[in-house]
Amino acid sequence: MSKSEDPNKVAEQMADAGVFLLRSVQYFNWLLLLVLSGVSWYFYGWPLAQSILIGGLLANVSFFLLRRDIKEFMANFSQAGMNGAAVKKFEKVKFFLKFYGRLAALAAIMCLLITQVTIDVIGLVIGLSTIMFSVIVVVLSKGSMLYSAQRYKGA
């Protein structure tokens, strides 16, 4: 990066790279979920495939809602500026209440699924872990995009 390059432009490029990575994680996760469900259905039958699908859907919805809440939190937090200490505290509390509320709802749904519905717990765990696997794969394969601007900035 040259000394004359605008820091706002670098920040914008990094934000665009972050959005691209999140979108890539979501696309890869849906693809992975479909492949795992199809393979498990073909080799092990519908109960395992259904459990993987349910776990993956729960993980995807939770990830989508978390991403939306983080985006809203960052927008509200930055709008408060230097003068809004009370607003910033309120935004933090609101974010954490939503986060833990969603986590409690996810735990309740999983408890109901395990106790009330015939579900393969291993398949459910595989489906829930697809988002973690997707994050790891996408960040390892495309994460350098996000940090390339930082490398040039330090040079």
N, C-alpha and C. Protein backbone atom coordinates (compact mmCIF):
# COMPACT_ATOMS: atom_id res chain seq x y z
N MET A 1 0.86 -1.18 0.00
CA MET A 1 0.00 0.00 0.00
C MET A 1 0.89 1.23 0.00
N SER A 2 0.61 2.18 -0.84
CA SER A 2 1.39 3.41 -0.87
C SER A 2 0.93 4.32 0.26
N LYS A 3 1.81 5.26 0.59
CA LYS A 3 1.51 6.19 1.69
C LYS A 3 0.33 7.09 1.36
N SER A 4 0.05 7.29 0.07
CA SER A 4 -1.02 8.21 -0.32
C SER A 4 -2.39 7.53 -0.39
N GLU A 5 -2.45 6.18 -0.20
CA GLU A 5 -3.73 5.49 -0.29
C GLU A 5 -4.62 5.85 0.90
N ASP A 6 -5.87 6.06 0.61
CA ASP A 6 -6.86 6.49 1.59
C ASP A 6 -7.15 5.37 2.59
N PRO A 7 -7.03 5.64 3.91
CA PRO A 7 -7.34 4.60 4.91
C PRO A 7 -8.80 4.17 4.86
N ASN A 8 -9.70 5.06 4.47
CA ASN A 8 -11.12 4.69 4.35
C ASN A 8 -11.32 3.66 3.24
N LYS A 9 -10.54 3.79 2.17
CA LYS A 9 -10.65 2.84 1.07
C LYS A 9 -10.16 1.46 1.52
N VAL A 10 -9.10 1.42 2.30
CA VAL A 10 -8.58 0.15 2.82
C VAL A 10 -9.62 -0.49 3.74
N ALA A 11 -10.22 0.31 4.62
CA ALA A 11 -11.25 -0.21 5.53
C ALA A 11 -12.44 -0.74 4.75
N GLU A 12 -12.82 -0.04 3.69
CA GLU A 12 -13.94 -0.47 2.86
C GLU A 12 -13.62 -1.79 2.16
N GLN A 13 -12.38 -1.94 1.66
CA GLN A 13 -11.97 -3.17 1.01
C GLN A 13 -11.99 -4.34 2.00
N MET A 14 -11.55 -4.08 3.23
CA MET A 14 -11.56 -5.13 4.25
C MET A 14 -12.99 -5.52 4.61
N ALA A 15 -13.89 -4.55 4.70
CA ALA A 15 -15.29 -4.84 5.00
C ALA A 15 -15.92 -5.65 3.86
N ASP A 16 -15.60 -5.29 2.62
CA ASP A 16 -16.11 -6.05 1.48
C ASP A 16 -15.59 -7.49 1.49
N ALA A 17 -14.32 -7.66 1.86
CA ALA A 17 -13.75 -9.00 1.95
C ALA A 17 -14.44 -9.81 3.05
N GLY A 18 -14.75 -9.16 4.16
CA GLY A 18 -15.45 -9.84 5.25
C GLY A 18 -16.85 -10.27 4.84
N VAL A 19 -17.56 -9.41 4.14
CA VAL A 19 -18.90 -9.76 3.65
C VAL A 19 -18.81 -10.92 2.66
N PHE A 20 -17.81 -10.89 1.80
CA PHE A 20 -17.61 -11.97 0.84
C PHE A 20 -17.34 -13.29 1.56
N LEU A 21 -16.52 -13.25 2.62
CA LEU A 21 -16.23 -14.47 3.37
C LEU A 21 -17.49 -15.02 4.04
N LEU A 22 -18.28 -14.15 4.64
CA LEU A 22 -19.52 -14.62 5.28
C LEU A 22 -20.47 -15.23 4.26
N ARG A 23 -20.59 -14.60 3.12
CA ARG A 23 -21.46 -15.13 2.06
C ARG A 23 -20.92 -16.47 1.57
N SER A 24 -19.60 -16.58 1.45
CA SER A 24 -18.99 -17.84 1.02
C SER A 24 -19.24 -18.95 2.05
N VAL A 25 -19.16 -18.60 3.33
CA VAL A 25 -19.44 -19.59 4.38
C VAL A 25 -20.87 -20.09 4.25
N GLN A 26 -21.81 -19.17 4.03
CA GLN A 26 -23.21 -19.59 3.92
C GLN A 26 -23.44 -20.48 2.69
N TYR A 27 -22.89 -20.11 1.54
CA TYR A 27 -23.06 -20.92 0.34
C TYR A 27 -22.43 -22.29 0.52
N PHE A 28 -21.20 -22.31 1.03
CA PHE A 28 -20.51 -23.58 1.22
C PHE A 28 -21.27 -24.45 2.22
N ASN A 29 -21.83 -23.84 3.25
CA ASN A 29 -22.55 -24.60 4.26
C ASN A 29 -23.80 -25.25 3.67
N TRP A 30 -24.55 -24.52 2.85
CA TRP A 30 -25.73 -25.12 2.22
C TRP A 30 -25.33 -26.27 1.30
N LEU A 31 -24.27 -26.07 0.55
CA LEU A 31 -23.78 -27.13 -0.33
C LEU A 31 -23.34 -28.35 0.48
N LEU A 32 -22.58 -28.12 1.54
CA LEU A 32 -22.12 -29.21 2.39
C LEU A 32 -23.30 -29.95 3.02
N LEU A 33 -24.28 -29.22 3.47
CA LEU A 33 -25.47 -29.83 4.08
C LEU A 33 -26.20 -30.71 3.08
N LEU A 34 -26.36 -30.24 1.85
CA LEU A 34 -27.02 -31.05 0.82
C LEU A 34 -26.22 -32.30 0.49
N VAL A 35 -24.90 -32.16 0.38
CA VAL A 35 -24.06 -33.32 0.07
C VAL A 35 -24.10 -34.34 1.20
N LEU A 36 -23.93 -33.88 2.44
CA LEU A 36 -23.96 -34.80 3.58
C LEU A 36 -25.31 -35.49 3.70
N SER A 37 -26.38 -34.76 3.49
CA SER A 37 -27.72 -35.36 3.56
C SER A 37 -27.92 -36.38 2.45
N GLY A 38 -27.51 -36.04 1.26
CA GLY A 38 -27.66 -36.97 0.14
C GLY A 38 -26.84 -38.23 0.31
N VAL A 39 -25.60 -38.08 0.73
CA VAL A 39 -24.73 -39.24 0.93
C VAL A 39 -25.26 -40.11 2.07
N SER A 40 -25.68 -39.49 3.15
CA SER A 40 -26.19 -40.28 4.28
C SER A 40 -27.50 -40.97 3.92
N TRP A 41 -28.33 -40.32 3.12
CA TRP A 41 -29.57 -40.95 2.69
C TRP A 41 -29.28 -42.16 1.80
N TYR A 42 -28.32 -41.99 0.90
CA TYR A 42 -27.99 -43.07 -0.02
C TYR A 42 -27.40 -44.28 0.71
N PHE A 43 -26.47 -44.02 1.65
CA PHE A 43 -25.77 -45.12 2.31
C PHE A 43 -26.43 -45.60 3.60
N TYR A 44 -27.09 -44.71 4.33
CA TYR A 44 -27.60 -45.10 5.65
C TYR A 44 -29.11 -44.96 5.82
N GLY A 45 -29.79 -44.35 4.90
CA GLY A 45 -31.24 -44.25 4.98
C GLY A 45 -31.73 -42.88 5.40
N TRP A 46 -33.04 -42.74 5.34
CA TRP A 46 -33.69 -41.45 5.58
C TRP A 46 -33.56 -40.94 7.01
N PRO A 47 -33.65 -41.76 8.05
CA PRO A 47 -33.58 -41.20 9.42
C PRO A 47 -32.29 -40.41 9.69
N LEU A 48 -31.15 -40.93 9.25
CA LEU A 48 -29.89 -40.19 9.45
C LEU A 48 -29.87 -38.93 8.60
N ALA A 49 -30.30 -39.02 7.35
CA ALA A 49 -30.31 -37.85 6.47
C ALA A 49 -31.23 -36.77 7.01
N GLN A 50 -32.39 -37.18 7.53
CA GLN A 50 -33.34 -36.23 8.11
C GLN A 50 -32.72 -35.54 9.32
N SER A 51 -32.02 -36.28 10.15
CA SER A 51 -31.39 -35.71 11.34
C SER A 51 -30.30 -34.71 10.96
N ILE A 52 -29.52 -35.05 9.93
CA ILE A 52 -28.48 -34.13 9.45
C ILE A 52 -29.12 -32.86 8.90
N LEU A 53 -30.20 -33.01 8.15
CA LEU A 53 -30.90 -31.84 7.61
C LEU A 53 -31.45 -30.95 8.71
N ILE A 54 -32.05 -31.54 9.71
CA ILE A 54 -32.62 -30.75 10.82
C ILE A 54 -31.50 -30.01 11.56
N GLY A 55 -30.41 -30.70 11.87
CA GLY A 55 -29.29 -30.06 12.55
C GLY A 55 -28.68 -28.94 11.72
N GLY A 56 -28.54 -29.19 10.42
CA GLY A 56 -27.99 -28.17 9.54
C GLY A 56 -28.90 -26.96 9.40
N LEU A 57 -30.20 -27.21 9.32
CA LEU A 57 -31.14 -26.09 9.25
C LEU A 57 -31.11 -25.26 10.53
N LEU A 58 -31.05 -25.91 11.67
CA LEU A 58 -30.95 -25.17 12.93
C LEU A 58 -29.68 -24.33 12.97
N ALA A 59 -28.56 -24.92 12.55
CA ALA A 59 -27.29 -24.19 12.56
C ALA A 59 -27.31 -23.03 11.57
N ASN A 60 -27.86 -23.25 10.39
CA ASN A 60 -27.91 -22.18 9.37
C ASN A 60 -28.78 -21.02 9.81
N VAL A 61 -29.94 -21.33 10.36
CA VAL A 61 -30.84 -20.26 10.81
C VAL A 61 -30.20 -19.48 11.95
N SER A 62 -29.58 -20.19 12.88
CA SER A 62 -28.92 -19.53 13.99
C SER A 62 -27.76 -18.65 13.52
N PHE A 63 -26.98 -19.14 12.56
CA PHE A 63 -25.87 -18.36 12.01
C PHE A 63 -26.37 -17.13 11.29
N PHE A 64 -27.44 -17.27 10.50
CA PHE A 64 -28.02 -16.14 9.79
C PHE A 64 -28.51 -15.07 10.77
N LEU A 65 -29.22 -15.49 11.81
CA LEU A 65 -29.72 -14.53 12.79
C LEU A 65 -28.59 -13.85 13.56
N LEU A 66 -27.55 -14.61 13.87
CA LEU A 66 -26.40 -14.02 14.56
C LEU A 66 -25.71 -12.99 13.67
N ARG A 67 -25.54 -13.31 12.41
CA ARG A 67 -24.90 -12.36 11.47
C ARG A 67 -25.73 -11.08 11.36
N ARG A 68 -27.04 -11.23 11.28
CA ARG A 68 -27.94 -10.07 11.21
C ARG A 68 -27.85 -9.23 12.48
N ASP A 69 -27.83 -9.88 13.63
CA ASP A 69 -27.74 -9.16 14.90
C ASP A 69 -26.40 -8.44 15.05
N ILE A 70 -25.33 -9.05 14.61
CA ILE A 70 -24.02 -8.40 14.68
C ILE A 70 -23.98 -7.18 13.78
N LYS A 71 -24.54 -7.31 12.59
CA LYS A 71 -24.59 -6.17 11.66
C LYS A 71 -25.39 -5.02 12.26
N GLU A 72 -26.54 -5.33 12.86
CA GLU A 72 -27.38 -4.32 13.51
C GLU A 72 -26.66 -3.70 14.70
N PHE A 73 -25.99 -4.54 15.48
CA PHE A 73 -25.25 -4.06 16.65
C PHE A 73 -24.15 -3.09 16.23
N MET A 74 -23.39 -3.46 15.21
CA MET A 74 -22.29 -2.60 14.77
C MET A 74 -22.81 -1.28 14.20
N ALA A 75 -23.91 -1.32 13.48
CA ALA A 75 -24.48 -0.08 12.93
C ALA A 75 -24.97 0.83 14.06
N ASN A 76 -25.70 0.29 15.01
CA ASN A 76 -26.21 1.09 16.12
C ASN A 76 -25.08 1.58 17.02
N PHE A 77 -24.08 0.76 17.21
CA PHE A 77 -22.95 1.11 18.07
C PHE A 77 -22.15 2.26 17.46
N SER A 78 -21.92 2.20 16.15
CA SER A 78 -21.16 3.26 15.50
C SER A 78 -21.95 4.55 15.38
N GLN A 79 -23.27 4.46 15.25
CA GLN A 79 -24.10 5.66 15.18
C GLN A 79 -24.11 6.42 16.50
N ALA A 80 -23.91 5.70 17.60
CA ALA A 80 -23.93 6.35 18.92
C ALA A 80 -22.77 7.32 19.08
N GLY A 81 -21.65 7.04 18.41
CA GLY A 81 -20.51 7.94 18.46
C GLY A 81 -19.87 8.01 19.84
N MET A 82 -19.08 9.04 20.03
CA MET A 82 -18.34 9.20 21.27
C MET A 82 -19.25 9.64 22.42
N ASN A 83 -20.37 10.24 22.14
CA ASN A 83 -21.23 10.80 23.18
C ASN A 83 -22.21 9.79 23.76
N GLY A 84 -22.37 8.65 23.13
CA GLY A 84 -23.44 7.74 23.51
C GLY A 84 -23.02 6.59 24.38
N ALA A 85 -22.41 6.83 25.53
CA ALA A 85 -21.98 5.75 26.41
C ALA A 85 -23.18 4.92 26.88
N ALA A 86 -24.27 5.59 27.23
CA ALA A 86 -25.46 4.86 27.67
C ALA A 86 -26.07 4.06 26.53
N VAL A 87 -26.07 4.63 25.32
CA VAL A 87 -26.61 3.93 24.16
C VAL A 87 -25.75 2.71 23.85
N LYS A 88 -24.43 2.88 23.94
CA LYS A 88 -23.53 1.76 23.68
C LYS A 88 -23.76 0.64 24.69
N LYS A 89 -23.94 0.99 25.95
CA LYS A 89 -24.18 -0.03 26.97
C LYS A 89 -25.51 -0.74 26.68
N PHE A 90 -26.54 0.03 26.32
CA PHE A 90 -27.83 -0.56 25.99
C PHE A 90 -27.71 -1.51 24.80
N GLU A 91 -26.96 -1.11 23.77
CA GLU A 91 -26.78 -1.95 22.59
C GLU A 91 -26.07 -3.25 22.95
N LYS A 92 -25.06 -3.18 23.81
CA LYS A 92 -24.36 -4.40 24.24
C LYS A 92 -25.30 -5.33 24.98
N VAL A 93 -26.06 -4.79 25.90
CA VAL A 93 -27.00 -5.61 26.68
C VAL A 93 -28.04 -6.23 25.76
N LYS A 94 -28.57 -5.45 24.83
CA LYS A 94 -29.57 -5.95 23.89
C LYS A 94 -28.99 -7.07 23.03
N PHE A 95 -27.76 -6.89 22.57
CA PHE A 95 -27.12 -7.91 21.74
C PHE A 95 -26.95 -9.21 22.53
N PHE A 96 -26.44 -9.12 23.75
CA PHE A 96 -26.21 -10.33 24.53
C PHE A 96 -27.51 -10.99 24.96
N LEU A 97 -28.55 -10.23 25.23
CA LEU A 97 -29.84 -10.82 25.55
C LEU A 97 -30.39 -11.60 24.35
N LYS A 98 -30.26 -11.02 23.15
CA LYS A 98 -30.72 -11.71 21.95
C LYS A 98 -29.89 -12.97 21.71
N PHE A 99 -28.57 -12.85 21.91
CA PHE A 99 -27.67 -13.99 21.69
C PHE A 99 -28.03 -15.14 22.62
N TYR A 100 -28.13 -14.85 23.91
CA TYR A 100 -28.42 -15.92 24.87
C TYR A 100 -29.86 -16.40 24.76
N GLY A 101 -30.78 -15.54 24.37
CA GLY A 101 -32.15 -15.97 24.12
C GLY A 101 -32.22 -16.94 22.97
N ARG A 102 -31.49 -16.64 21.89
CA ARG A 102 -31.44 -17.54 20.74
C ARG A 102 -30.78 -18.86 21.12
N LEU A 103 -29.74 -18.80 21.93
CA LEU A 103 -29.06 -20.01 22.38
C LEU A 103 -30.00 -20.87 23.23
N ALA A 104 -30.77 -20.24 24.12
CA ALA A 104 -31.74 -20.97 24.95
C ALA A 104 -32.84 -21.58 24.08
N ALA A 105 -33.30 -20.84 23.08
CA ALA A 105 -34.33 -21.36 22.18
C ALA A 105 -33.79 -22.55 21.39
N LEU A 106 -32.55 -22.46 20.93
CA LEU A 106 -31.93 -23.57 20.22
C LEU A 106 -31.81 -24.80 21.12
N ALA A 107 -31.41 -24.59 22.37
CA ALA A 107 -31.32 -25.71 23.32
C ALA A 107 -32.69 -26.32 23.57
N ALA A 108 -33.72 -25.50 23.70
CA ALA A 108 -35.08 -26.01 23.92
C ALA A 108 -35.57 -26.81 22.71
N ILE A 109 -35.30 -26.31 21.53
CA ILE A 109 -35.71 -27.03 20.31
C ILE A 109 -35.00 -28.37 20.22
N MET A 110 -33.70 -28.37 20.50
CA MET A 110 -32.95 -29.63 20.45
C MET A 110 -33.44 -30.60 21.52
N CYS A 111 -33.76 -30.11 22.70
CA CYS A 111 -34.28 -30.96 23.77
C CYS A 111 -35.61 -31.58 23.34
N LEU A 112 -36.48 -30.78 22.75
CA LEU A 112 -37.76 -31.29 22.25
C LEU A 112 -37.55 -32.33 21.14
N LEU A 113 -36.63 -32.05 20.25
CA LEU A 113 -36.37 -32.99 19.16
C LEU A 113 -35.88 -34.33 19.70
N ILE A 114 -34.96 -34.27 20.65
CA ILE A 114 -34.37 -35.50 21.18
C ILE A 114 -35.38 -36.30 22.01
N THR A 115 -36.22 -35.61 22.77
CA THR A 115 -37.15 -36.31 23.66
C THR A 115 -38.48 -36.67 23.01
N GLN A 116 -38.96 -35.87 22.07
CA GLN A 116 -40.30 -36.07 21.52
C GLN A 116 -40.33 -36.68 20.12
N VAL A 117 -39.26 -36.57 19.38
CA VAL A 117 -39.23 -37.02 18.00
C VAL A 117 -38.15 -38.09 17.87
N THR A 118 -38.41 -39.06 17.02
CA THR A 118 -37.38 -40.06 16.75
C THR A 118 -36.33 -39.41 15.85
N ILE A 119 -35.16 -39.17 16.42
CA ILE A 119 -34.10 -38.49 15.68
C ILE A 119 -32.77 -39.14 16.01
N ASP A 120 -31.92 -39.21 15.03
CA ASP A 120 -30.58 -39.75 15.22
C ASP A 120 -29.71 -38.63 15.79
N VAL A 121 -29.26 -38.79 17.02
CA VAL A 121 -28.50 -37.73 17.69
C VAL A 121 -27.17 -37.49 16.99
N ILE A 122 -26.54 -38.55 16.50
CA ILE A 122 -25.28 -38.38 15.78
C ILE A 122 -25.50 -37.55 14.52
N GLY A 123 -26.57 -37.82 13.80
CA GLY A 123 -26.91 -37.03 12.61
C GLY A 123 -27.19 -35.58 12.95
N LEU A 124 -27.89 -35.36 14.07
CA LEU A 124 -28.18 -34.00 14.52
C LEU A 124 -26.88 -33.25 14.80
N VAL A 125 -25.95 -33.90 15.47
CA VAL A 125 -24.65 -33.27 15.77
C VAL A 125 -23.86 -33.01 14.50
N ILE A 126 -23.91 -33.94 13.56
CA ILE A 126 -23.22 -33.72 12.27
C ILE A 126 -23.82 -32.51 11.57
N GLY A 127 -25.13 -32.40 11.54
CA GLY A 127 -25.78 -31.26 10.92
C GLY A 127 -25.44 -29.95 11.61
N LEU A 128 -25.42 -29.97 12.94
CA LEU A 128 -25.08 -28.75 13.68
C LEU A 128 -23.63 -28.33 13.46
N SER A 129 -22.76 -29.29 13.22
CA SER A 129 -21.34 -28.95 13.07
C SER A 129 -20.97 -28.52 11.65
N THR A 130 -21.92 -28.56 10.72
CA THR A 130 -21.59 -28.16 9.35
C THR A 130 -21.17 -26.70 9.27
N ILE A 131 -21.77 -25.85 10.08
CA ILE A 131 -21.42 -24.42 10.03
C ILE A 131 -19.98 -24.22 10.51
N MET A 132 -19.58 -24.95 11.54
CA MET A 132 -18.20 -24.83 12.03
C MET A 132 -17.22 -25.31 10.97
N PHE A 133 -17.53 -26.43 10.34
CA PHE A 133 -16.66 -26.95 9.29
C PHE A 133 -16.59 -25.99 8.11
N SER A 134 -17.71 -25.39 7.77
CA SER A 134 -17.75 -24.43 6.66
C SER A 134 -16.90 -23.20 6.96
N VAL A 135 -16.98 -22.71 8.17
CA VAL A 135 -16.16 -21.55 8.56
C VAL A 135 -14.68 -21.90 8.43
N ILE A 136 -14.29 -23.05 8.93
CA ILE A 136 -12.88 -23.45 8.87
C ILE A 136 -12.41 -23.57 7.43
N VAL A 137 -13.17 -24.26 6.59
CA VAL A 137 -12.77 -24.48 5.20
C VAL A 137 -12.69 -23.16 4.44
N VAL A 138 -13.70 -22.32 4.57
CA VAL A 138 -13.72 -21.06 3.81
C VAL A 138 -12.63 -20.12 4.28
N VAL A 139 -12.43 -20.01 5.58
CA VAL A 139 -11.40 -19.09 6.08
C VAL A 139 -10.01 -19.59 5.69
N LEU A 140 -9.77 -20.90 5.74
CA LEU A 140 -8.47 -21.41 5.32
C LEU A 140 -8.24 -21.24 3.82
N SER A 141 -9.31 -21.36 3.04
CA SER A 141 -9.13 -21.26 1.59
C SER A 141 -9.18 -19.83 1.07
N LYS A 142 -9.98 -18.95 1.70
CA LYS A 142 -10.16 -17.61 1.17
C LYS A 142 -9.85 -16.51 2.17
N GLY A 143 -9.42 -16.88 3.35
CA GLY A 143 -9.20 -15.89 4.41
C GLY A 143 -8.09 -14.92 4.13
N SER A 144 -7.15 -15.29 3.27
CA SER A 144 -6.04 -14.38 2.98
C SER A 144 -6.54 -13.10 2.31
N MET A 145 -7.71 -13.16 1.66
CA MET A 145 -8.28 -11.95 1.05
C MET A 145 -8.50 -10.87 2.10
N LEU A 146 -8.99 -11.30 3.26
CA LEU A 146 -9.32 -10.35 4.31
C LEU A 146 -8.06 -9.71 4.88
N TYR A 147 -7.01 -10.48 4.97
CA TYR A 147 -5.81 -9.99 5.63
C TYR A 147 -4.77 -9.43 4.67
N SER A 148 -4.99 -9.55 3.37
CA SER A 148 -4.01 -9.02 2.42
C SER A 148 -3.91 -7.51 2.53
N ALA A 149 -5.02 -6.84 2.77
CA ALA A 149 -4.99 -5.38 2.94
C ALA A 149 -4.22 -5.00 4.19
N GLN A 150 -4.32 -5.80 5.23
CA GLN A 150 -3.59 -5.52 6.46
C GLN A 150 -2.08 -5.73 6.26
N ARG A 151 -1.71 -6.71 5.48
CA ARG A 151 -0.29 -6.95 5.22
C ARG A 151 0.33 -5.76 4.50
N TYR A 152 -0.39 -5.22 3.50
CA TYR A 152 0.12 -4.07 2.78
C TYR A 152 0.15 -2.83 3.65
N LYS A 153 -0.81 -2.74 4.53
CA LYS A 153 -0.89 -1.56 5.42
C LYS A 153 0.34 -1.49 6.33
N GLY A 154 0.79 -2.68 6.79
CA GLY A 154 1.95 -2.70 7.69
C GLY A 154 3.27 -2.48 6.97
N ALA A 155 3.29 -2.62 5.64
CA ALA A 155 4.54 -2.48 4.89
C ALA A 155 4.93 -1.05 4.70
